[in-house]
PDB file of all heavy atoms in Angstrom:
ATOM      1  N   PHE A   1     334.874  24.997 -51.549  1.00  0.00           N
ATOM      2  CA  PHE A   1     335.760  25.925 -51.986  1.00  0.00           C
ATOM      3  C   PHE A   1     337.207  25.666 -51.788  1.00  0.00           C
ATOM      4  O   PHE A   1     337.581  24.721 -50.914  1.00  0.00           O
ATOM      5  CB  PHE A   1     335.559  27.330 -51.163  1.00  0.00           C
ATOM      6  CG  PHE A   1     334.526  28.234 -51.508  1.00  0.00           C
ATOM      7  CD1 PHE A   1     333.469  28.536 -50.701  1.00  0.00           C
ATOM      8  CD2 PHE A   1     334.500  28.740 -52.786  1.00  0.00           C
ATOM      9  CE1 PHE A   1     332.414  29.342 -51.134  1.00  0.00           C
ATOM     10  CE2 PHE A   1     333.475  29.636 -53.282  1.00  0.00           C
ATOM     11  CZ  PHE A   1     332.458  29.886 -52.349  1.00  0.00           C
ATOM     12  N   SER A   2     338.170  26.226 -52.462  1.00  0.00           N
ATOM     13  CA  SER A   2     339.546  25.913 -52.305  1.00  0.00           C
ATOM     14  C   SER A   2     340.118  27.198 -51.622  1.00  0.00           C
ATOM     15  O   SER A   2     339.615  28.324 -51.622  1.00  0.00           O
ATOM     16  CB  SER A   2     340.261  25.853 -53.665  1.00  0.00           C
ATOM     17  OG  SER A   2     341.686  25.980 -53.479  1.00  0.00           O
ATOM     18  N   LEU A   3     341.282  27.025 -50.893  1.00  0.00           N
ATOM     19  CA  LEU A   3     341.990  28.096 -50.278  1.00  0.00           C
ATOM     20  C   LEU A   3     343.138  28.443 -51.042  1.00  0.00           C
ATOM     21  O   LEU A   3     344.042  29.389 -50.580  1.00  0.00           O
ATOM     22  CB  LEU A   3     342.278  27.878 -48.785  1.00  0.00           C
ATOM     23  CG  LEU A   3     341.038  27.793 -47.835  1.00  0.00           C
ATOM     24  CD1 LEU A   3     341.501  27.543 -46.395  1.00  0.00           C
ATOM     25  CD2 LEU A   3     340.195  28.913 -47.944  1.00  0.00           C
ATOM     26  N   ASP A   4     343.459  27.840 -52.127  1.00  0.00           N
ATOM     27  CA  ASP A   4     344.585  28.043 -53.029  1.00  0.00           C
ATOM     28  C   ASP A   4     344.290  29.346 -53.835  1.00  0.00           C
ATOM     29  O   ASP A   4     343.416  29.415 -54.686  1.00  0.00           O
ATOM     30  CB  ASP A   4     344.730  26.867 -53.995  1.00  0.00           C
ATOM     31  CG  ASP A   4     345.985  27.104 -54.945  1.00  0.00           C
ATOM     32  OD1 ASP A   4     346.502  28.100 -54.966  1.00  0.00           O
ATOM     33  OD2 ASP A   4     346.249  26.059 -55.758  1.00  0.00           O
ATOM     34  N   PRO A   5     345.069  30.381 -53.695  1.00  0.00           N
ATOM     35  CA  PRO A   5     344.835  31.607 -54.345  1.00  0.00           C
ATOM     36  C   PRO A   5     344.865  31.473 -55.916  1.00  0.00           C
ATOM     37  O   PRO A   5     344.294  32.293 -56.545  1.00  0.00           O
ATOM     38  CB  PRO A   5     345.773  32.552 -53.850  1.00  0.00           C
ATOM     39  CG  PRO A   5     346.854  31.761 -53.329  1.00  0.00           C
ATOM     40  CD  PRO A   5     346.205  30.492 -52.726  1.00  0.00           C
ATOM     41  N   ALA A   6     345.514  30.422 -56.311  1.00  0.00           N
ATOM     42  CA  ALA A   6     345.630  30.287 -57.909  1.00  0.00           C
ATOM     43  C   ALA A   6     344.359  29.563 -58.389  1.00  0.00           C
ATOM     44  O   ALA A   6     344.293  29.493 -59.657  1.00  0.00           O
ATOM     45  CB  ALA A   6     346.943  29.489 -58.184  1.00  0.00           C
ATOM     46  N   SER A   7     343.607  28.983 -57.585  1.00  0.00           N
ATOM     47  CA  SER A   7     342.428  28.190 -58.035  1.00  0.00           C
ATOM     48  C   SER A   7     341.386  29.080 -58.429  1.00  0.00           C
ATOM     49  O   SER A   7     340.969  30.037 -57.800  1.00  0.00           O
ATOM     50  CB  SER A   7     342.050  27.208 -56.969  1.00  0.00           C
ATOM     51  OG  SER A   7     340.764  26.679 -57.341  1.00  0.00           O
ATOM     52  N   PRO A   8     340.704  28.841 -59.617  1.00  0.00           N
ATOM     53  CA  PRO A   8     339.475  29.503 -59.945  1.00  0.00           C
ATOM     54  C   PRO A   8     338.278  29.412 -58.860  1.00  0.00           C
ATOM     55  O   PRO A   8     337.342  30.124 -58.869  1.00  0.00           O
ATOM     56  CB  PRO A   8     339.050  29.013 -61.246  1.00  0.00           C
ATOM     57  CG  PRO A   8     339.710  27.592 -61.298  1.00  0.00           C
ATOM     58  CD  PRO A   8     341.002  27.755 -60.590  1.00  0.00           C
ATOM     59  N   ASN A   9     338.468  28.318 -58.009  1.00  0.00           N
ATOM     60  CA  ASN A   9     337.496  28.025 -57.058  1.00  0.00           C
ATOM     61  C   ASN A   9     337.919  28.494 -55.740  1.00  0.00           C
ATOM     62  O   ASN A   9     337.352  28.073 -54.661  1.00  0.00           O
ATOM     63  CB  ASN A   9     337.255  26.468 -57.080  1.00  0.00           C
ATOM     64  CG  ASN A   9     336.098  26.026 -56.203  1.00  0.00           C
ATOM     65  OD1 ASN A   9     334.984  26.603 -56.271  1.00  0.00           O
ATOM     66  ND2 ASN A   9     336.236  24.977 -55.376  1.00  0.00           N
ATOM     67  N   VAL A  10     338.781  29.464 -55.696  1.00  0.00           N
ATOM     68  CA  VAL A  10     339.094  29.992 -54.285  1.00  0.00           C
ATOM     69  C   VAL A  10     338.031  30.696 -53.632  1.00  0.00           C
ATOM     70  O   VAL A  10     337.174  31.419 -54.412  1.00  0.00           O
ATOM     71  CB  VAL A  10     340.418  30.894 -54.394  1.00  0.00           C
ATOM     72  CG1 VAL A  10     340.058  32.234 -55.249  1.00  0.00           C
ATOM     73  CG2 VAL A  10     341.013  31.303 -53.055  1.00  0.00           C
ATOM     74  N   VAL A  11     337.946  30.662 -52.402  1.00  0.00           N
ATOM     75  CA  VAL A  11     336.797  31.285 -51.718  1.00  0.00           C
ATOM     76  C   VAL A  11     336.707  32.890 -51.833  1.00  0.00           C
ATOM     77  O   VAL A  11     337.840  33.416 -51.899  1.00  0.00           O
ATOM     78  CB  VAL A  11     336.866  30.938 -50.105  1.00  0.00           C
ATOM     79  CG1 VAL A  11     337.995  31.575 -49.357  1.00  0.00           C
ATOM     80  CG2 VAL A  11     335.574  31.255 -49.453  1.00  0.00           C
ATOM     81  N   ALA A  12     335.621  33.472 -51.944  1.00  0.00           N
ATOM     82  CA  ALA A  12     335.404  34.897 -52.026  1.00  0.00           C
ATOM     83  C   ALA A  12     334.017  35.245 -51.662  1.00  0.00           C
ATOM     84  O   ALA A  12     333.097  34.376 -51.775  1.00  0.00           O
ATOM     85  CB  ALA A  12     335.737  35.341 -53.474  1.00  0.00           C
ATOM     86  N   PRO A  13     333.793  36.366 -51.173  1.00  0.00           N
ATOM     87  CA  PRO A  13     332.499  36.915 -50.782  1.00  0.00           C
ATOM     88  C   PRO A  13     331.501  36.827 -52.007  1.00  0.00           C
ATOM     89  O   PRO A  13     331.834  37.174 -53.150  1.00  0.00           O
ATOM     90  CB  PRO A  13     332.719  38.363 -50.468  1.00  0.00           C
ATOM     91  CG  PRO A  13     334.101  38.361 -49.947  1.00  0.00           C
ATOM     92  CD  PRO A  13     334.875  37.525 -50.900  1.00  0.00           C
ATOM     93  N   GLY A  14     330.245  36.294 -51.693  1.00  0.00           N
ATOM     94  CA  GLY A  14     329.308  36.212 -52.794  1.00  0.00           C
ATOM     95  C   GLY A  14     329.505  35.293 -53.779  1.00  0.00           C
ATOM     96  O   GLY A  14     328.755  35.324 -54.879  1.00  0.00           O
ATOM     97  N   LYS A  15     330.484  34.429 -53.706  1.00  0.00           N
ATOM     98  CA  LYS A  15     330.861  33.450 -54.783  1.00  0.00           C
ATOM     99  C   LYS A  15     330.191  32.150 -54.408  1.00  0.00           C
ATOM    100  O   LYS A  15     330.060  31.702 -53.273  1.00  0.00           O
ATOM    101  CB  LYS A  15     332.371  33.284 -54.864  1.00  0.00           C
ATOM    102  CG  LYS A  15     332.914  32.446 -55.899  1.00  0.00           C
ATOM    103  CD  LYS A  15     334.471  32.468 -55.858  1.00  0.00           C
ATOM    104  CE  LYS A  15     335.063  31.680 -56.992  1.00  0.00           C
ATOM    105  NZ  LYS A  15     336.470  31.724 -56.995  1.00  0.00           N
ATOM    106  N   ARG A  16     329.887  31.321 -55.633  1.00  0.00           N
ATOM    107  CA  ARG A  16     329.369  29.982 -55.418  1.00  0.00           C
ATOM    108  C   ARG A  16     330.453  29.052 -55.450  1.00  0.00           C
ATOM    109  O   ARG A  16     331.380  29.138 -56.244  1.00  0.00           O
ATOM    110  CB  ARG A  16     328.331  29.654 -56.574  1.00  0.00           C
ATOM    111  CG  ARG A  16     327.019  30.368 -56.403  1.00  0.00           C
ATOM    112  CD  ARG A  16     326.113  30.236 -57.632  1.00  0.00           C
ATOM    113  NE  ARG A  16     324.748  30.362 -57.317  1.00  0.00           N
ATOM    114  CZ  ARG A  16     323.790  30.863 -58.079  1.00  0.00           C
ATOM    115  NH1 ARG A  16     324.155  31.185 -59.328  1.00  0.00           N
ATOM    116  NH2 ARG A  16     322.534  30.925 -57.763  1.00  0.00           N
ATOM    117  N   PRO A  17     330.476  28.009 -54.500  1.00  0.00           N
ATOM    118  CA  PRO A  17     331.515  26.989 -54.538  1.00  0.00           C
ATOM    119  C   PRO A  17     331.282  26.024 -55.590  1.00  0.00           C
ATOM    120  O   PRO A  17     330.218  25.844 -56.178  1.00  0.00           O
ATOM    121  CB  PRO A  17     331.413  26.368 -53.150  1.00  0.00           C
ATOM    122  CG  PRO A  17     329.946  26.487 -52.847  1.00  0.00           C
ATOM    123  CD  PRO A  17     329.563  27.792 -53.487  1.00  0.00           C
ATOM    124  N   PHE A  18     332.305  25.273 -55.941  1.00  0.00           N
ATOM    125  CA  PHE A  18     332.231  23.953 -56.737  1.00  0.00           C
ATOM    126  C   PHE A  18     331.169  23.026 -56.139  1.00  0.00           C
ATOM    127  O   PHE A  18     331.097  22.888 -54.910  1.00  0.00           O
ATOM    128  CB  PHE A  18     333.477  23.248 -56.833  1.00  0.00           C
ATOM    129  CG  PHE A  18     333.440  21.977 -57.577  1.00  0.00           C
ATOM    130  CD1 PHE A  18     333.300  21.874 -58.966  1.00  0.00           C
ATOM    131  CD2 PHE A  18     333.326  20.795 -56.847  1.00  0.00           C
ATOM    132  CE1 PHE A  18     333.148  20.658 -59.677  1.00  0.00           C
ATOM    133  CE2 PHE A  18     333.281  19.502 -57.529  1.00  0.00           C
ATOM    134  CZ  PHE A  18     333.223  19.513 -58.965  1.00  0.00           C
ATOM    135  N   HIS A  19     330.232  22.559 -56.930  1.00  0.00           N
ATOM    136  CA  HIS A  19     329.159  21.721 -56.453  1.00  0.00           C
ATOM    137  C   HIS A  19     329.213  20.359 -57.094  1.00  0.00           C
ATOM    138  O   HIS A  19     329.551  20.203 -58.261  1.00  0.00           O
ATOM    139  CB  HIS A  19     327.785  22.307 -56.829  1.00  0.00           C
ATOM    140  CG  HIS A  19     327.047  22.898 -55.690  1.00  0.00           C
ATOM    141  ND1 HIS A  19     326.170  22.235 -54.959  1.00  0.00           N
ATOM    142  CD2 HIS A  19     327.024  24.184 -55.149  1.00  0.00           C
ATOM    143  CE1 HIS A  19     325.756  22.950 -53.961  1.00  0.00           C
ATOM    144  NE2 HIS A  19     326.227  24.141 -54.157  1.00  0.00           N
ATOM    145  N   THR A  20     328.907  19.327 -56.262  1.00  0.00           N
ATOM    146  CA  THR A  20     328.818  17.986 -56.809  1.00  0.00           C
ATOM    147  C   THR A  20     327.400  17.579 -57.363  1.00  0.00           C
ATOM    148  O   THR A  20     327.282  16.733 -58.167  1.00  0.00           O
ATOM    149  CB  THR A  20     329.110  16.886 -55.734  1.00  0.00           C
ATOM    150  OG1 THR A  20     328.346  17.118 -54.583  1.00  0.00           O
ATOM    151  CG2 THR A  20     330.624  17.172 -55.311  1.00  0.00           C
ATOM    152  N   ILE A  21     326.340  18.315 -56.836  1.00  0.00           N
ATOM    153  CA  ILE A  21     325.051  17.878 -57.235  1.00  0.00           C
ATOM    154  C   ILE A  21     324.615  18.420 -58.542  1.00  0.00           C
ATOM    155  O   ILE A  21     324.782  19.550 -58.900  1.00  0.00           O
ATOM    156  CB  ILE A  21     324.021  18.222 -56.095  1.00  0.00           C
ATOM    157  CG1 ILE A  21     323.846  19.634 -55.988  1.00  0.00           C
ATOM    158  CG2 ILE A  21     324.352  17.534 -54.777  1.00  0.00           C
ATOM    159  CD1 ILE A  21     322.698  20.164 -54.934  1.00  0.00           C
ATOM    160  N   ILE A  22     324.058  17.426 -59.391  1.00  0.00           N
ATOM    161  CA  ILE A  22     323.763  17.802 -60.754  1.00  0.00           C
ATOM    162  C   ILE A  22     322.437  17.034 -61.148  1.00  0.00           C
ATOM    163  O   ILE A  22     322.484  15.848 -61.127  1.00  0.00           O
ATOM    164  CB  ILE A  22     324.890  17.482 -61.734  1.00  0.00           C
ATOM    165  CG1 ILE A  22     325.403  15.934 -61.403  1.00  0.00           C
ATOM    166  CG2 ILE A  22     326.131  18.427 -61.522  1.00  0.00           C
ATOM    167  CD1 ILE A  22     326.448  15.538 -62.461  1.00  0.00           C
ATOM    168  N   PRO A  23     321.453  17.654 -61.654  1.00  0.00           N
ATOM    169  CA  PRO A  23     320.317  17.069 -62.426  1.00  0.00           C
ATOM    170  C   PRO A  23     320.835  16.766 -63.816  1.00  0.00           C
ATOM    171  O   PRO A  23     321.648  17.380 -64.321  1.00  0.00           O
ATOM    172  CB  PRO A  23     319.206  18.035 -62.378  1.00  0.00           C
ATOM    173  CG  PRO A  23     319.916  19.379 -62.468  1.00  0.00           C
ATOM    174  CD  PRO A  23     321.207  19.144 -61.629  1.00  0.00           C
ATOM    175  N   GLY A  24     320.110  15.764 -64.461  1.00  0.00           N
ATOM    176  CA  GLY A  24     320.483  15.395 -65.861  1.00  0.00           C
ATOM    177  C   GLY A  24     319.284  15.275 -66.689  1.00  0.00           C
ATOM    178  O   GLY A  24     318.184  14.953 -66.213  1.00  0.00           O
ATOM    179  N   PHE A  25     319.393  15.540 -68.019  1.00  0.00           N
ATOM    180  CA  PHE A  25     318.327  15.486 -68.948  1.00  0.00           C
ATOM    181  C   PHE A  25     318.877  15.071 -70.336  1.00  0.00           C
ATOM    182  O   PHE A  25     319.980  15.446 -70.723  1.00  0.00           O
ATOM    183  CB  PHE A  25     317.604  16.815 -69.051  1.00  0.00           C
ATOM    184  CG  PHE A  25     316.233  16.713 -69.493  1.00  0.00           C
ATOM    185  CD1 PHE A  25     315.208  16.604 -68.581  1.00  0.00           C
ATOM    186  CD2 PHE A  25     315.828  16.609 -70.809  1.00  0.00           C
ATOM    187  CE1 PHE A  25     313.874  16.498 -68.991  1.00  0.00           C
ATOM    188  CE2 PHE A  25     314.525  16.423 -71.239  1.00  0.00           C
ATOM    189  CZ  PHE A  25     313.439  16.468 -70.263  1.00  0.00           C
ATOM    190  N   VAL A  26     318.106  14.208 -71.080  1.00  0.00           N
ATOM    191  CA  VAL A  26     318.505  13.789 -72.367  1.00  0.00           C
ATOM    192  C   VAL A  26     317.335  14.126 -73.300  1.00  0.00           C
ATOM    193  O   VAL A  26     316.232  13.823 -73.077  1.00  0.00           O
ATOM    194  CB  VAL A  26     318.753  12.279 -72.438  1.00  0.00           C
ATOM    195  CG1 VAL A  26     319.125  11.839 -73.835  1.00  0.00           C
ATOM    196  CG2 VAL A  26     319.909  11.875 -71.459  1.00  0.00           C
ATOM    197  N   THR A  27     317.797  14.780 -74.464  1.00  0.00           N
ATOM    198  CA  THR A  27     316.832  15.085 -75.498  1.00  0.00           C
ATOM    199  C   THR A  27     317.235  14.232 -76.724  1.00  0.00           C
ATOM    200  O   THR A  27     318.383  13.874 -76.959  1.00  0.00           O
ATOM    201  CB  THR A  27     316.744  16.514 -75.830  1.00  0.00           C
ATOM    202  OG1 THR A  27     318.022  17.056 -76.184  1.00  0.00           O
ATOM    203  CG2 THR A  27     316.182  17.281 -74.616  1.00  0.00           C
ATOM    204  N   LYS A  28     316.246  14.017 -77.571  1.00  0.00           N
ATOM    205  CA  LYS A  28     316.511  13.366 -78.897  1.00  0.00           C
ATOM    206  C   LYS A  28     315.718  14.118 -80.024  1.00  0.00           C
ATOM    207  O   LYS A  28     314.629  14.298 -79.884  1.00  0.00           O
ATOM    208  CB  LYS A  28     316.064  11.938 -78.897  1.00  0.00           C
ATOM    209  CG  LYS A  28     316.501  11.071 -80.133  1.00  0.00           C
ATOM    210  CD  LYS A  28     316.161   9.632 -80.016  1.00  0.00           C
ATOM    211  CE  LYS A  28     316.755   8.845 -81.150  1.00  0.00           C
ATOM    212  NZ  LYS A  28     316.403   7.468 -81.109  1.00  0.00           N
ATOM    213  N   GLY A  29     316.541  14.667 -80.909  1.00  0.00           N
ATOM    214  CA  GLY A  29     315.909  15.493 -81.908  1.00  0.00           C
ATOM    215  C   GLY A  29     315.402  16.758 -81.183  1.00  0.00           C
ATOM    216  O   GLY A  29     316.166  17.444 -80.343  1.00  0.00           O
ATOM    217  N   ALA A  30     314.235  17.116 -81.471  1.00  0.00           N
ATOM    218  CA  ALA A  30     313.634  18.302 -80.875  1.00  0.00           C
ATOM    219  C   ALA A  30     312.799  18.098 -79.525  1.00  0.00           C
ATOM    220  O   ALA A  30     312.125  18.947 -79.176  1.00  0.00           O
ATOM    221  CB  ALA A  30     312.821  19.106 -81.793  1.00  0.00           C
ATOM    222  N   GLY A  31     312.814  16.779 -79.169  1.00  0.00           N
ATOM    223  CA  GLY A  31     311.953  16.377 -78.047  1.00  0.00           C
ATOM    224  C   GLY A  31     312.632  15.784 -76.854  1.00  0.00           C
ATOM    225  O   GLY A  31     313.842  15.430 -76.881  1.00  0.00           O
ATOM    226  N   PRO A  32     311.910  15.611 -75.729  1.00  0.00           N
ATOM    227  CA  PRO A  32     312.555  15.053 -74.508  1.00  0.00           C
ATOM    228  C   PRO A  32     312.654  13.513 -74.625  1.00  0.00           C
ATOM    229  O   PRO A  32     311.847  12.873 -75.190  1.00  0.00           O
ATOM    230  CB  PRO A  32     311.489  15.483 -73.488  1.00  0.00           C
ATOM    231  CG  PRO A  32     310.168  15.497 -74.152  1.00  0.00           C
ATOM    232  CD  PRO A  32     310.509  15.969 -75.572  1.00  0.00           C
ATOM    233  N   LEU A  33     313.653  13.057 -74.061  1.00  0.00           N
ATOM    234  CA  LEU A  33     313.804  11.597 -73.913  1.00  0.00           C
ATOM    235  C   LEU A  33     313.730  11.066 -72.468  1.00  0.00           C
ATOM    236  O   LEU A  33     313.069  10.220 -72.121  1.00  0.00           O
ATOM    237  CB  LEU A  33     315.104  10.989 -74.650  1.00  0.00           C
ATOM    238  CG  LEU A  33     315.363   9.519 -74.591  1.00  0.00           C
ATOM    239  CD1 LEU A  33     314.232   8.861 -75.287  1.00  0.00           C
ATOM    240  CD2 LEU A  33     316.665   9.232 -75.209  1.00  0.00           C
ATOM    241  N   MET A  34     314.605  11.732 -71.576  1.00  0.00           N
ATOM    242  CA  MET A  34     314.790  11.232 -70.197  1.00  0.00           C
ATOM    243  C   MET A  34     315.197  12.344 -69.290  1.00  0.00           C
ATOM    244  O   MET A  34     316.048  13.162 -69.487  1.00  0.00           O
ATOM    245  CB  MET A  34     315.847  10.203 -70.225  1.00  0.00           C
ATOM    246  CG  MET A  34     316.125   9.624 -68.802  1.00  0.00           C
ATOM    247  SD  MET A  34     317.200   8.092 -68.835  1.00  0.00           S
ATOM    248  CE  MET A  34     318.738   8.827 -69.531  1.00  0.00           C
ATOM    249  N   ALA A  35     314.468  12.309 -68.084  1.00  0.00           N
ATOM    250  CA  ALA A  35     314.937  13.123 -66.895  1.00  0.00           C
ATOM    251  C   ALA A  35     315.473  12.103 -66.033  1.00  0.00           C
ATOM    252  O   ALA A  35     314.849  11.122 -65.675  1.00  0.00           O
ATOM    253  CB  ALA A  35     313.722  13.801 -66.289  1.00  0.00           C
ATOM    254  N   PHE A  36     316.749  12.427 -65.587  1.00  0.00           N
ATOM    255  CA  PHE A  36     317.478  11.374 -64.720  1.00  0.00           C
ATOM    256  C   PHE A  36     318.461  12.129 -63.907  1.00  0.00           C
ATOM    257  O   PHE A  36     318.710  13.281 -63.901  1.00  0.00           O
ATOM    258  CB  PHE A  36     318.141  10.438 -65.659  1.00  0.00           C
ATOM    259  CG  PHE A  36     319.414  10.875 -66.222  1.00  0.00           C
ATOM    260  CD1 PHE A  36     320.707  10.436 -65.771  1.00  0.00           C
ATOM    261  CD2 PHE A  36     319.444  11.896 -67.330  1.00  0.00           C
ATOM    262  CE1 PHE A  36     321.869  11.065 -66.321  1.00  0.00           C
ATOM    263  CE2 PHE A  36     320.561  12.399 -67.846  1.00  0.00           C
ATOM    264  CZ  PHE A  36     321.791  11.976 -67.455  1.00  0.00           C
ATOM    265  N   GLY A  37     319.017  11.343 -62.945  1.00  0.00           N
ATOM    266  CA  GLY A  37     320.087  11.749 -62.137  1.00  0.00           C
ATOM    267  C   GLY A  37     320.546  10.815 -61.100  1.00  0.00           C
ATOM    268  O   GLY A  37     319.953   9.685 -61.080  1.00  0.00           O
ATOM    269  N   MET A  38     321.484  11.198 -60.299  1.00  0.00           N
ATOM    270  CA  MET A  38     322.052  10.286 -59.315  1.00  0.00           C
ATOM    271  C   MET A  38     322.424  11.156 -58.067  1.00  0.00           C
ATOM    272  O   MET A  38     323.137  12.088 -58.277  1.00  0.00           O
ATOM    273  CB  MET A  38     323.238   9.394 -59.902  1.00  0.00           C
ATOM    274  CG  MET A  38     323.742   8.412 -58.907  1.00  0.00           C
ATOM    275  SD  MET A  38     325.139   7.434 -59.727  1.00  0.00           S
ATOM    276  CE  MET A  38     324.265   6.665 -61.099  1.00  0.00           C
ATOM    277  N   MET A  39     322.113  10.588 -56.808  1.00  0.00           N
ATOM    278  CA  MET A  39     322.791  11.324 -55.696  1.00  0.00           C
ATOM    279  C   MET A  39     324.000  10.594 -55.317  1.00  0.00           C
ATOM    280  O   MET A  39     324.262   9.398 -55.730  1.00  0.00           O
ATOM    281  CB  MET A  39     321.675  11.182 -54.559  1.00  0.00           C
ATOM    282  CG  MET A  39     321.353   9.686 -54.184  1.00  0.00           C
ATOM    283  SD  MET A  39     319.839   9.534 -53.245  1.00  0.00           S
ATOM    284  CE  MET A  39     318.702   9.802 -54.550  1.00  0.00           C
ATOM    285  N   GLY A  40     324.842  11.168 -54.561  1.00  0.00           N
ATOM    286  CA  GLY A  40     326.097  10.441 -54.075  1.00  0.00           C
ATOM    287  C   GLY A  40     327.367  11.193 -54.221  1.00  0.00           C
ATOM    288  O   GLY A  40     328.375  10.557 -54.457  1.00  0.00           O
ATOM    289  N   GLY A  41     327.387  12.560 -54.200  1.00  0.00           N
ATOM    290  CA  GLY A  41     328.714  13.224 -54.162  1.00  0.00           C
ATOM    291  C   GLY A  41     329.481  13.009 -55.431  1.00  0.00           C
ATOM    292  O   GLY A  41     328.949  13.199 -56.601  1.00  0.00           O
ATOM    293  N   PRO A  42     330.769  12.528 -55.268  1.00  0.00           N
ATOM    294  CA  PRO A  42     331.653  12.424 -56.433  1.00  0.00           C
ATOM    295  C   PRO A  42     331.193  11.481 -57.492  1.00  0.00           C
ATOM    296  O   PRO A  42     331.524  11.493 -58.602  1.00  0.00           O
ATOM    297  CB  PRO A  42     332.968  11.970 -55.847  1.00  0.00           C
ATOM    298  CG  PRO A  42     332.914  12.386 -54.322  1.00  0.00           C
ATOM    299  CD  PRO A  42     331.505  12.303 -53.978  1.00  0.00           C
ATOM    300  N   ILE A  43     330.332  10.536 -57.084  1.00  0.00           N
ATOM    301  CA  ILE A  43     329.877   9.486 -58.101  1.00  0.00           C
ATOM    302  C   ILE A  43     328.873  10.086 -59.125  1.00  0.00           C
ATOM    303  O   ILE A  43     328.693   9.458 -60.215  1.00  0.00           O
ATOM    304  CB  ILE A  43     329.114   8.257 -57.385  1.00  0.00           C
ATOM    305  CG1 ILE A  43     328.808   7.060 -58.330  1.00  0.00           C
ATOM    306  CG2 ILE A  43     327.868   8.784 -56.693  1.00  0.00           C
ATOM    307  CD1 ILE A  43     330.012   6.457 -58.964  1.00  0.00           C
ATOM    308  N   GLN A  44     328.373  11.324 -58.849  1.00  0.00           N
ATOM    309  CA  GLN A  44     327.268  11.743 -59.660  1.00  0.00           C
ATOM    310  C   GLN A  44     327.555  11.920 -61.093  1.00  0.00           C
ATOM    311  O   GLN A  44     326.855  11.268 -61.984  1.00  0.00           O
ATOM    312  CB  GLN A  44     326.703  12.998 -59.086  1.00  0.00           C
ATOM    313  CG  GLN A  44     326.010  12.867 -57.733  1.00  0.00           C
ATOM    314  CD  GLN A  44     325.429  14.093 -57.174  1.00  0.00           C
ATOM    315  OE1 GLN A  44     324.730  14.874 -57.848  1.00  0.00           O
ATOM    316  NE2 GLN A  44     325.682  14.298 -55.907  1.00  0.00           N
ATOM    317  N   ALA A  45     328.589  12.694 -61.494  1.00  0.00           N
ATOM    318  CA  ALA A  45     328.859  12.843 -62.871  1.00  0.00           C
ATOM    319  C   ALA A  45     329.318  11.467 -63.456  1.00  0.00           C
ATOM    320  O   ALA A  45     329.102  11.231 -64.698  1.00  0.00           O
ATOM    321  CB  ALA A  45     329.975  13.882 -62.979  1.00  0.00           C
ATOM    322  N   GLN A  46     330.076  10.680 -62.700  1.00  0.00           N
ATOM    323  CA  GLN A  46     330.622   9.420 -63.229  1.00  0.00           C
ATOM    324  C   GLN A  46     329.350   8.484 -63.523  1.00  0.00           C
ATOM    325  O   GLN A  46     329.339   7.817 -64.561  1.00  0.00           O
ATOM    326  CB  GLN A  46     331.449   8.736 -62.195  1.00  0.00           C
ATOM    327  CG  GLN A  46     332.684   9.523 -61.695  1.00  0.00           C
ATOM    328  CD  GLN A  46     333.455   8.790 -60.750  1.00  0.00           C
ATOM    329  OE1 GLN A  46     333.761   7.618 -60.740  1.00  0.00           O
ATOM    330  NE2 GLN A  46     333.990   9.550 -59.635  1.00  0.00           N
TER     331      GLN A  46
END
């Protein structure tokens, strides 16, 4: 969370914080190609 009141990520009751963890999936046409992902905080999306 942020404590900056101007940030959309400012802390609030019942709110979800910004998250680094993300699963990934690739499809091709109408079918599946790959389930993948990476652990490691900020490196994940990169």
